[in-house]
Amino acid sequence: MRKTKQTEGRCDVLIAGAGFAGLALAIALRQGLGETFAVTVADPALGRAARPDARASAIAAAARRLLESIGVWEQVSDAAQPILDMAITDSRLNDTVRPTLLTFAGEVDDGEPFAHMVENTPLQAALKDKAQQNGVMLLPHAVIAFEHLRPSYAPHSGTLPESGAHAAGVSSRIDVTCDDGSSISTRLLVAADGARSRVREQAGIKTVGWDYGQSAIVTTVAHERDHCGRAEEHFMPAGPFAILPLQGRRCSIVWTEEARAAERIVALPAAEFHAELERRFGLHLGELRVVEQPRSFPLGLHVARSFVAERIALVGDAAHVIHPIAGQGLNLGLRDVAALAEAVADAARLGLDIGGADVLDRYQRWRRFDTMAMGIATDGLNRLFSNESDALRLVRDIGLGLVERAPALKNFFIREAAGLTGEVPRLLRGEAL
């Protein structure tokens, strides 16, 4: 099939979506492969004034090493709060005492915290600035359609297929159409366009998963006393209530409730919301003050049945959405970025087709098992802790107590949460791509 549509530009990689994963991937590829390697990011949000995002993200040690490797961490490090330790409790809402059942020290190596808390707004701004500095083409448009371009080749015609096409029927590029009518030809299209990915849908990739009937209430609070870098997770029958330290005397709250209860709570007048918050937060940090408008987000587990299609790769929320119980959502996305960037960079340096099936298969093998394992783990934790069963409560409390008394097991969990186990891509080890 011959190309019938006139393209208005070309690039090596086109990334649909300018969120954390999309921009980090663009920066990594440009830095790793140089100025001759053309990377474009397309997202209508790039044409709008940035809206403040009240949320904050837990950046695990491996993800921090990636951000450091691509020169972004230095722009947000002053605003990042290291998590120096973590305490876990298991109680009912009206219990007068919440005994701490499990604690984690905060370092994976000497002087390296296993995670930092970073507010989303400055992190997003730093990634966008770095992408611009590195010559990434930023387009304020949405990818709305794409078409595979097949090589113009007939046996014995003397016409060779376009570079990168290995066999008849295999596309040599993808022609991408944006919402302004423009068209871009690329060797690899990356879907980083979120949980409702249009690219994933048009590629015919289904997802497997379910909604939990829960929502996460997210807000930021100021408090009277210093949090000392301690993160807390209170497991309650409705779901976990996480207190995550931010710079200054502030914390980010991720509060899980049944969906209808969450809708009711965020709609409460300020004084009544404060009372509900205080019942769960406690008074150990003194007087509380809500400083960001509470918002709620529905929770579920959704994983793409495939992370790749012909000349297409999925990263971040386009590939997987998991429960925030372990704070691993963004970190999984940055693990995708590190793996895909390394697979593409290695192929490019060998003169191979960066959008070829072997390159994409390597990426999928690297990431899909890890993602499924994390999804199953967070799903199991949520089901184990978000219930009223006294029998399950006894079992889980015994389990937490056993872990508390096993330093080697605790260290394994810390390194697993930090993203430093298994086959770790170079960027997550803090090495250059």
Foldseek 3Di string as FASTA:
>chain_A
DADDDDAPAEAAEEEEDLAPLRLLLLLQLCVLPHDVHAYAYEALVVVDDDDFDQDKAKAFLLNLLLCVQSPLCVQFVVFKFAQQKEWEFADALPDPDTDTLAMAGQALDVPGGRIIITGRVSSSVSSVVSSVVSPHHYHNWGFQDKDFGFFPDDPPPPDDGPPQDDDGPAGQWMWTATPVGHIYIYLAYEYPPAQPTNVCVNLVWAKDKDFDQKKWKKFKKAFQAAPVSYKYWYQYQQGIWIWGDTPDRMTIITHMGRNVVSVVLLPDPPVSNLVVVCSRPDAPRHDMDTDGRIDIGTFIWIATPFQDDQSYGYAASNGIGADCNLSCRVVLRVQLSLLLSVLQSVQVVVVHRSRDPVSRVSSRVVRVVLRVVVRVVRVVVGVLRNRDDPVSVVVVSVVSNVCNVDVVSSSVVSCVSSVNDDDGGQSSVSHRD
